[in-house]
Amino acid sequence: MSEERPTSDAAQDRDDEVRAADADADAWAKACAEDLAAEKARRRAEHATPPGSAAEELRKLVDAVADKLSGLQSPLFGAVASGTAQQMVSQVVQQAKAAVEPVIERNPDVFDHLAAAGSELLAAYRSAVEAQERRWTARDTTRPGDEGTGPGEHIDLD
């Protein structure tokens, strides 16, 4: 059997088409990301209060968790034990708040730096993953004469 191999011009044309499709996809993804960021900014400006510093946000989180835990009614405890359990939960919550509050007040900038470091780590991870995905998708796994229908290998039985 004779196989027809694509000429170097045909292979070049196919590569050019793939690059053009990738450029279109990148442009579309960039435009979508810009639109999404603009919409998020518009909604934040319209409906929400701007976020405070990381220390203020941590303080709000601790207060919200403390309020939620203090207000829980457990069906596992009987009527008599629920009052005691409620007091224990309240005491633990107050102790946790007492431990966290001085740390937040003494070191408010630390939380801003930790938040910034987390954002940088996320950006680095995202960049590494995107680069690896580009390498995976850019590989040309089809051989000349192969239809590319799957990962299997063509075996000629003649």
N, C-alpha and C. Protein backbone atom coordinates (compact mmCIF):
# COMPACT_ATOMS: atom_id res chain seq x y z
N MET A 1 0.83 -1.19 0.00
CA MET A 1 0.00 0.00 0.00
C MET A 1 0.87 1.24 0.00
N SER A 2 0.48 2.16 -0.78
CA SER A 2 1.24 3.41 -0.78
C SER A 2 0.44 4.46 -0.01
N GLU A 3 1.15 5.18 0.80
CA GLU A 3 0.52 6.25 1.59
C GLU A 3 0.84 7.58 0.96
N GLU A 4 -0.12 8.45 0.96
CA GLU A 4 0.08 9.78 0.42
C GLU A 4 0.48 10.69 1.57
N ARG A 5 1.63 11.25 1.50
CA ARG A 5 2.11 12.13 2.55
C ARG A 5 1.87 13.58 2.16
N PRO A 6 1.46 14.40 3.15
CA PRO A 6 1.23 15.81 2.82
C PRO A 6 2.55 16.49 2.49
N THR A 7 2.48 17.40 1.59
CA THR A 7 3.68 18.15 1.23
C THR A 7 4.02 19.10 2.36
N SER A 8 5.20 19.64 2.34
CA SER A 8 5.60 20.57 3.38
C SER A 8 4.75 21.83 3.34
N ASP A 9 4.25 22.21 2.14
CA ASP A 9 3.36 23.37 2.04
C ASP A 9 2.04 23.10 2.73
N ALA A 10 1.51 21.90 2.54
CA ALA A 10 0.23 21.54 3.19
C ALA A 10 0.40 21.52 4.70
N ALA A 11 1.51 20.98 5.16
CA ALA A 11 1.77 20.95 6.60
C ALA A 11 1.92 22.37 7.14
N GLN A 12 2.58 23.22 6.38
CA GLN A 12 2.75 24.62 6.79
C GLN A 12 1.41 25.33 6.84
N ASP A 13 0.55 25.06 5.82
CA ASP A 13 -0.79 25.67 5.81
C ASP A 13 -1.59 25.23 7.03
N ARG A 14 -1.50 23.93 7.37
CA ARG A 14 -2.21 23.42 8.54
C ARG A 14 -1.70 24.09 9.81
N ASP A 15 -0.39 24.24 9.93
CA ASP A 15 0.19 24.91 11.10
C ASP A 15 -0.26 26.36 11.18
N ASP A 16 -0.32 27.03 10.02
CA ASP A 16 -0.78 28.42 9.99
C ASP A 16 -2.24 28.52 10.44
N GLU A 17 -3.06 27.56 10.00
CA GLU A 17 -4.47 27.56 10.39
C GLU A 17 -4.61 27.34 11.90
N VAL A 18 -3.82 26.45 12.45
CA VAL A 18 -3.86 26.18 13.89
C VAL A 18 -3.45 27.43 14.66
N ARG A 19 -2.39 28.09 14.21
CA ARG A 19 -1.94 29.31 14.87
C ARG A 19 -3.00 30.41 14.81
N ALA A 20 -3.64 30.54 13.65
CA ALA A 20 -4.70 31.55 13.50
C ALA A 20 -5.87 31.24 14.42
N ALA A 21 -6.23 29.96 14.52
CA ALA A 21 -7.33 29.57 15.42
C ALA A 21 -6.96 29.84 16.86
N ASP A 22 -5.71 29.55 17.24
CA ASP A 22 -5.25 29.83 18.60
C ASP A 22 -5.27 31.33 18.88
N ALA A 23 -4.85 32.13 17.91
CA ALA A 23 -4.85 33.59 18.10
C ALA A 23 -6.27 34.10 18.26
N ASP A 24 -7.21 33.55 17.48
CA ASP A 24 -8.62 33.95 17.61
C ASP A 24 -9.15 33.56 18.98
N ALA A 25 -8.82 32.35 19.44
CA ALA A 25 -9.28 31.89 20.74
C ALA A 25 -8.70 32.76 21.85
N ASP A 26 -7.41 33.11 21.73
CA ASP A 26 -6.78 33.96 22.73
C ASP A 26 -7.42 35.34 22.75
N ALA A 27 -7.70 35.89 21.59
CA ALA A 27 -8.33 37.21 21.52
C ALA A 27 -9.73 37.15 22.12
N TRP A 28 -10.46 36.09 21.85
CA TRP A 28 -11.81 35.93 22.40
C TRP A 28 -11.74 35.79 23.91
N ALA A 29 -10.81 34.97 24.40
CA ALA A 29 -10.67 34.79 25.85
C ALA A 29 -10.29 36.09 26.53
N LYS A 30 -9.40 36.86 25.90
CA LYS A 30 -8.98 38.14 26.48
C LYS A 30 -10.15 39.12 26.51
N ALA A 31 -10.93 39.17 25.44
CA ALA A 31 -12.08 40.07 25.39
C ALA A 31 -13.12 39.68 26.44
N CYS A 32 -13.35 38.38 26.60
CA CYS A 32 -14.30 37.91 27.61
C CYS A 32 -13.82 38.26 29.02
N ALA A 33 -12.53 38.08 29.28
CA ALA A 33 -11.98 38.40 30.60
C ALA A 33 -12.10 39.89 30.88
N GLU A 34 -11.84 40.72 29.88
CA GLU A 34 -11.97 42.17 30.07
C GLU A 34 -13.42 42.56 30.34
N ASP A 35 -14.35 41.96 29.60
CA ASP A 35 -15.78 42.25 29.82
C ASP A 35 -16.22 41.81 31.20
N LEU A 36 -15.77 40.64 31.63
CA LEU A 36 -16.13 40.15 32.95
C LEU A 36 -15.58 41.04 34.05
N ALA A 37 -14.32 41.47 33.90
CA ALA A 37 -13.72 42.35 34.90
C ALA A 37 -14.46 43.68 34.96
N ALA A 38 -14.83 44.22 33.81
CA ALA A 38 -15.57 45.49 33.79
C ALA A 38 -16.94 45.33 34.44
N GLU A 39 -17.61 44.21 34.17
CA GLU A 39 -18.93 43.98 34.77
C GLU A 39 -18.82 43.81 36.28
N LYS A 40 -17.81 43.09 36.73
CA LYS A 40 -17.61 42.92 38.18
C LYS A 40 -17.33 44.26 38.84
N ALA A 41 -16.51 45.09 38.22
CA ALA A 41 -16.21 46.41 38.78
C ALA A 41 -17.46 47.28 38.82
N ARG A 42 -18.26 47.21 37.78
CA ARG A 42 -19.50 47.99 37.75
C ARG A 42 -20.45 47.55 38.85
N ARG A 43 -20.60 46.26 39.04
CA ARG A 43 -21.49 45.75 40.09
C ARG A 43 -20.97 46.08 41.49
N ARG A 44 -19.66 45.99 41.67
CA ARG A 44 -19.08 46.34 42.97
C ARG A 44 -19.34 47.79 43.30
N ALA A 45 -19.13 48.66 42.30
CA ALA A 45 -19.33 50.09 42.51
C ALA A 45 -20.80 50.40 42.76
N GLU A 46 -21.68 49.65 42.14
CA GLU A 46 -23.11 49.93 42.24
C GLU A 46 -23.73 49.36 43.51
N HIS A 47 -23.33 48.18 43.94
CA HIS A 47 -24.05 47.49 44.99
C HIS A 47 -23.27 47.25 46.28
N ALA A 48 -22.01 47.15 46.23
CA ALA A 48 -21.26 46.70 47.40
C ALA A 48 -20.35 47.78 47.96
N THR A 49 -20.05 47.62 49.22
CA THR A 49 -19.05 48.49 49.83
C THR A 49 -17.68 47.94 49.46
N PRO A 50 -16.73 48.81 49.25
CA PRO A 50 -15.40 48.31 48.89
C PRO A 50 -14.79 47.52 50.06
N PRO A 51 -14.05 46.48 49.75
CA PRO A 51 -13.45 45.68 50.82
C PRO A 51 -12.42 46.49 51.59
N GLY A 52 -12.31 46.18 52.86
CA GLY A 52 -11.34 46.86 53.70
C GLY A 52 -10.00 46.15 53.62
N SER A 53 -9.16 46.45 54.56
CA SER A 53 -7.85 45.79 54.59
C SER A 53 -8.05 44.33 54.95
N ALA A 54 -7.01 43.55 54.77
CA ALA A 54 -7.10 42.12 55.08
C ALA A 54 -7.37 41.91 56.56
N ALA A 55 -6.80 42.76 57.42
CA ALA A 55 -7.03 42.65 58.87
C ALA A 55 -8.50 42.92 59.20
N GLU A 56 -9.09 43.93 58.57
CA GLU A 56 -10.50 44.23 58.81
C GLU A 56 -11.39 43.09 58.32
N GLU A 57 -11.05 42.53 57.17
CA GLU A 57 -11.83 41.43 56.64
C GLU A 57 -11.72 40.20 57.54
N LEU A 58 -10.54 39.93 58.09
CA LEU A 58 -10.37 38.81 59.01
C LEU A 58 -11.19 39.04 60.27
N ARG A 59 -11.19 40.25 60.76
CA ARG A 59 -11.98 40.59 61.94
C ARG A 59 -13.47 40.36 61.67
N LYS A 60 -13.94 40.77 60.49
CA LYS A 60 -15.34 40.55 60.12
C LYS A 60 -15.65 39.05 60.05
N LEU A 61 -14.73 38.29 59.49
CA LEU A 61 -14.92 36.85 59.38
C LEU A 61 -15.03 36.21 60.77
N VAL A 62 -14.13 36.57 61.66
CA VAL A 62 -14.15 36.02 63.01
C VAL A 62 -15.46 36.39 63.70
N ASP A 63 -15.91 37.63 63.55
CA ASP A 63 -17.18 38.04 64.16
C ASP A 63 -18.36 37.27 63.58
N ALA A 64 -18.38 37.09 62.27
CA ALA A 64 -19.48 36.37 61.63
C ALA A 64 -19.53 34.91 62.08
N VAL A 65 -18.36 34.26 62.14
CA VAL A 65 -18.31 32.87 62.59
C VAL A 65 -18.73 32.77 64.05
N ALA A 66 -18.27 33.70 64.86
CA ALA A 66 -18.64 33.70 66.28
C ALA A 66 -20.14 33.87 66.45
N ASP A 67 -20.74 34.80 65.71
CA ASP A 67 -22.19 35.00 65.79
C ASP A 67 -22.95 33.76 65.35
N LYS A 68 -22.48 33.13 64.28
CA LYS A 68 -23.16 31.94 63.76
C LYS A 68 -23.07 30.80 64.77
N LEU A 69 -21.89 30.58 65.33
CA LEU A 69 -21.72 29.50 66.30
C LEU A 69 -22.50 29.76 67.58
N SER A 70 -22.56 30.99 68.00
CA SER A 70 -23.30 31.32 69.22
C SER A 70 -24.79 31.13 69.03
N GLY A 71 -25.29 31.28 67.85
CA GLY A 71 -26.71 31.18 67.58
C GLY A 71 -27.19 29.79 67.22
N LEU A 72 -26.28 28.83 67.14
CA LEU A 72 -26.68 27.47 66.76
C LEU A 72 -27.47 26.81 67.88
N GLN A 73 -28.54 26.13 67.52
CA GLN A 73 -29.32 25.32 68.45
C GLN A 73 -29.12 23.87 68.02
N SER A 74 -28.54 23.06 68.86
CA SER A 74 -28.26 21.68 68.48
C SER A 74 -29.42 20.76 68.87
N PRO A 75 -29.96 20.02 67.91
CA PRO A 75 -31.04 19.08 68.22
C PRO A 75 -30.51 17.82 68.90
N LEU A 76 -29.19 17.65 68.93
CA LEU A 76 -28.62 16.45 69.54
C LEU A 76 -28.69 16.49 71.06
N PHE A 77 -28.72 17.68 71.61
CA PHE A 77 -28.77 17.82 73.05
C PHE A 77 -30.23 17.95 73.49
N GLY A 78 -30.52 17.47 74.66
CA GLY A 78 -31.86 17.63 75.20
C GLY A 78 -32.06 19.07 75.64
N ALA A 79 -33.24 19.38 76.15
CA ALA A 79 -33.57 20.74 76.58
C ALA A 79 -32.66 21.19 77.71
N VAL A 80 -32.32 20.28 78.60
CA VAL A 80 -31.48 20.64 79.75
C VAL A 80 -30.04 20.84 79.31
N ALA A 81 -29.51 19.94 78.48
CA ALA A 81 -28.12 19.99 78.06
C ALA A 81 -27.85 21.09 77.05
N SER A 82 -28.89 21.55 76.33
CA SER A 82 -28.65 22.55 75.29
C SER A 82 -28.18 23.87 75.88
N GLY A 83 -28.65 24.25 77.05
CA GLY A 83 -28.19 25.48 77.70
C GLY A 83 -26.72 25.38 78.06
N THR A 84 -26.30 24.25 78.57
CA THR A 84 -24.90 24.04 78.94
C THR A 84 -24.02 24.02 77.69
N ALA A 85 -24.48 23.34 76.65
CA ALA A 85 -23.72 23.28 75.40
C ALA A 85 -23.59 24.66 74.80
N GLN A 86 -24.67 25.43 74.86
CA GLN A 86 -24.66 26.79 74.32
C GLN A 86 -23.62 27.64 75.06
N GLN A 87 -23.55 27.49 76.36
CA GLN A 87 -22.57 28.24 77.15
C GLN A 87 -21.15 27.82 76.79
N MET A 88 -20.95 26.54 76.59
CA MET A 88 -19.60 26.06 76.24
C MET A 88 -19.18 26.60 74.88
N VAL A 89 -20.08 26.57 73.91
CA VAL A 89 -19.77 27.09 72.58
C VAL A 89 -19.47 28.57 72.67
N SER A 90 -20.27 29.29 73.41
CA SER A 90 -20.07 30.73 73.57
C SER A 90 -18.72 31.03 74.22
N GLN A 91 -18.36 30.24 75.22
CA GLN A 91 -17.08 30.43 75.90
C GLN A 91 -15.90 30.16 74.95
N VAL A 92 -16.00 29.11 74.15
CA VAL A 92 -14.93 28.79 73.20
C VAL A 92 -14.80 29.90 72.15
N VAL A 93 -15.93 30.40 71.68
CA VAL A 93 -15.92 31.47 70.69
C VAL A 93 -15.28 32.73 71.26
N GLN A 94 -15.62 33.07 72.48
CA GLN A 94 -15.04 34.26 73.12
C GLN A 94 -13.53 34.10 73.32
N GLN A 95 -13.10 32.90 73.69
CA GLN A 95 -11.66 32.65 73.85
C GLN A 95 -10.93 32.76 72.52
N ALA A 96 -11.53 32.25 71.47
CA ALA A 96 -10.91 32.35 70.15
C ALA A 96 -10.81 33.81 69.70
N LYS A 97 -11.88 34.57 69.92
CA LYS A 97 -11.85 35.99 69.56
C LYS A 97 -10.80 36.73 70.39
N ALA A 98 -10.69 36.39 71.66
CA ALA A 98 -9.70 37.04 72.52
C ALA A 98 -8.28 36.72 72.08
N ALA A 99 -8.07 35.54 71.52
CA ALA A 99 -6.73 35.16 71.04
C ALA A 99 -6.41 35.82 69.71
N VAL A 100 -7.40 35.95 68.83
CA VAL A 100 -7.17 36.48 67.49
C VAL A 100 -7.10 38.00 67.47
N GLU A 101 -7.93 38.65 68.23
CA GLU A 101 -8.03 40.12 68.19
C GLU A 101 -6.70 40.84 68.46
N PRO A 102 -5.94 40.48 69.50
CA PRO A 102 -4.65 41.18 69.71
C PRO A 102 -3.66 40.98 68.56
N VAL A 103 -3.67 39.80 67.95
CA VAL A 103 -2.77 39.54 66.83
C VAL A 103 -3.13 40.44 65.65
N ILE A 104 -4.42 40.59 65.41
CA ILE A 104 -4.87 41.44 64.31
C ILE A 104 -4.49 42.89 64.58
N GLU A 105 -4.69 43.34 65.80
CA GLU A 105 -4.40 44.75 66.14
C GLU A 105 -2.91 45.06 66.11
N ARG A 106 -2.08 44.13 66.55
CA ARG A 106 -0.63 44.37 66.57
C ARG A 106 -0.01 44.29 65.18
N ASN A 107 -0.57 43.49 64.31
CA ASN A 107 0.07 43.22 63.01
C ASN A 107 -0.90 43.36 61.84
N PRO A 108 -1.55 44.50 61.67
CA PRO A 108 -2.52 44.59 60.57
C PRO A 108 -1.87 44.50 59.19
N ASP A 109 -0.64 44.98 59.06
CA ASP A 109 0.04 44.95 57.76
C ASP A 109 0.43 43.53 57.34
N VAL A 110 0.64 42.67 58.33
CA VAL A 110 1.02 41.29 58.02
C VAL A 110 -0.07 40.62 57.19
N PHE A 111 -1.32 40.88 57.53
CA PHE A 111 -2.42 40.24 56.81
C PHE A 111 -2.52 40.78 55.39
N ASP A 112 -2.22 42.06 55.20
CA ASP A 112 -2.19 42.61 53.84
C ASP A 112 -1.09 41.95 53.02
N HIS A 113 0.08 41.76 53.65
CA HIS A 113 1.19 41.11 52.94
C HIS A 113 0.86 39.65 52.63
N LEU A 114 0.22 38.96 53.58
CA LEU A 114 -0.15 37.56 53.34
C LEU A 114 -1.18 37.46 52.20
N ALA A 115 -2.13 38.39 52.17
CA ALA A 115 -3.11 38.39 51.09
C ALA A 115 -2.43 38.65 49.75
N ALA A 116 -1.49 39.59 49.71
CA ALA A 116 -0.77 39.88 48.47
C ALA A 116 0.08 38.68 48.04
N ALA A 117 0.72 38.03 49.02
CA ALA A 117 1.54 36.86 48.70
C ALA A 117 0.67 35.73 48.15
N GLY A 118 -0.50 35.56 48.74
CA GLY A 118 -1.42 34.54 48.23
C GLY A 118 -1.84 34.82 46.80
N SER A 119 -2.09 36.09 46.50
CA SER A 119 -2.47 36.46 45.14
C SER A 119 -1.32 36.20 44.17
N GLU A 120 -0.11 36.49 44.58
CA GLU A 120 1.06 36.24 43.73
C GLU A 120 1.27 34.75 43.50
N LEU A 121 1.08 33.95 44.55
CA LEU A 121 1.22 32.50 44.39
C LEU A 121 0.16 31.96 43.45
N LEU A 122 -1.05 32.47 43.56
CA LEU A 122 -2.12 32.04 42.67
C LEU A 122 -1.80 32.42 41.23
N ALA A 123 -1.28 33.62 41.01
CA ALA A 123 -0.92 34.06 39.66
C ALA A 123 0.21 33.19 39.10
N ALA A 124 1.19 32.84 39.92
CA ALA A 124 2.29 31.99 39.47
C ALA A 124 1.78 30.59 39.11
N TYR A 125 0.92 30.05 39.94
CA TYR A 125 0.34 28.73 39.67
C TYR A 125 -0.47 28.74 38.38
N ARG A 126 -1.30 29.77 38.23
CA ARG A 126 -2.13 29.88 37.03
C ARG A 126 -1.25 29.98 35.78
N SER A 127 -0.17 30.73 35.86
CA SER A 127 0.74 30.88 34.73
C SER A 127 1.39 29.54 34.37
N ALA A 128 1.81 28.80 35.39
CA ALA A 128 2.44 27.50 35.14
C ALA A 128 1.45 26.53 34.52
N VAL A 129 0.23 26.52 35.01
CA VAL A 129 -0.78 25.61 34.47
C VAL A 129 -1.12 25.98 33.03
N GLU A 130 -1.29 27.27 32.75
CA GLU A 130 -1.61 27.69 31.39
C GLU A 130 -0.48 27.34 30.43
N ALA A 131 0.77 27.52 30.87
CA ALA A 131 1.91 27.18 30.01
C ALA A 131 1.93 25.68 29.72
N GLN A 132 1.66 24.87 30.74
CA GLN A 132 1.65 23.42 30.53
C GLN A 132 0.49 23.02 29.61
N GLU A 133 -0.66 23.64 29.79
CA GLU A 133 -1.80 23.33 28.91
C GLU A 133 -1.48 23.69 27.46
N ARG A 134 -0.79 24.81 27.25
CA ARG A 134 -0.42 25.18 25.89
C ARG A 134 0.51 24.14 25.28
N ARG A 135 1.46 23.62 26.08
CA ARG A 135 2.38 22.60 25.57
C ARG A 135 1.62 21.32 25.24
N TRP A 136 0.66 20.95 26.09
CA TRP A 136 -0.11 19.73 25.85
C TRP A 136 -0.95 19.85 24.59
N THR A 137 -1.58 20.99 24.41
CA THR A 137 -2.47 21.14 23.27
C THR A 137 -1.72 21.46 21.99
N ALA A 138 -0.49 21.91 22.05
CA ALA A 138 0.27 22.28 20.86
C ALA A 138 0.97 21.09 20.23
N ARG A 139 1.05 19.98 20.96
CA ARG A 139 1.73 18.81 20.40
C ARG A 139 0.97 18.29 19.20
N ASP A 140 1.72 17.99 18.16
CA ASP A 140 1.11 17.43 16.96
C ASP A 140 1.22 15.92 17.07
N THR A 141 0.14 15.25 17.48
CA THR A 141 0.17 13.81 17.70
C THR A 141 -0.19 13.01 16.46
N THR A 142 -0.66 13.69 15.42
CA THR A 142 -1.03 12.95 14.21
C THR A 142 0.18 12.80 13.30
N ARG A 143 0.26 11.62 12.70
CA ARG A 143 1.33 11.35 11.75
C ARG A 143 0.81 11.51 10.35
N PRO A 144 1.68 11.72 9.39
CA PRO A 144 1.21 11.83 8.00
C PRO A 144 0.41 10.59 7.62
N GLY A 145 -0.77 10.80 7.04
CA GLY A 145 -1.62 9.69 6.63
C GLY A 145 -2.53 9.19 7.74
N ASP A 146 -2.35 9.65 8.97
CA ASP A 146 -3.17 9.24 10.10
C ASP A 146 -4.33 10.21 10.23
N GLU A 147 -5.54 9.69 10.41
CA GLU A 147 -6.70 10.56 10.52
C GLU A 147 -6.78 11.23 11.89
N GLY A 148 -6.03 10.75 12.85
CA GLY A 148 -6.07 11.34 14.18
C GLY A 148 -7.35 11.01 14.93
N THR A 149 -7.85 9.78 14.73
CA THR A 149 -9.12 9.41 15.37
C THR A 149 -8.94 8.95 16.80
N GLY A 150 -7.76 8.76 17.25
CA GLY A 150 -7.56 8.31 18.63
C GLY A 150 -6.09 8.17 18.94
N PRO A 151 -5.82 7.75 20.17
CA PRO A 151 -4.42 7.65 20.59
C PRO A 151 -3.74 6.37 20.13
N GLY A 152 -4.49 5.48 19.47
CA GLY A 152 -3.92 4.20 19.05
C GLY A 152 -2.91 4.34 17.93
N GLU A 153 -2.20 3.26 17.69
CA GLU A 153 -1.17 3.25 16.65
C GLU A 153 -1.68 2.46 15.46
N HIS A 154 -1.43 2.96 14.24
CA HIS A 154 -1.86 2.30 13.01
C HIS A 154 -0.96 1.09 12.75
N ILE A 155 -1.57 -0.07 12.58
CA ILE A 155 -0.82 -1.29 12.29
C ILE A 155 -1.28 -1.80 10.93
N ASP A 156 -0.35 -1.97 10.02
CA ASP A 156 -0.65 -2.45 8.68
C ASP A 156 -0.54 -3.98 8.69
N LEU A 157 -1.64 -4.65 8.36
CA LEU A 157 -1.68 -6.11 8.41
C LEU A 157 -1.31 -6.78 7.11
N ASP A 158 -0.98 -6.04 6.08
CA ASP A 158 -0.61 -6.65 4.80
C ASP A 158 0.76 -7.21 4.81
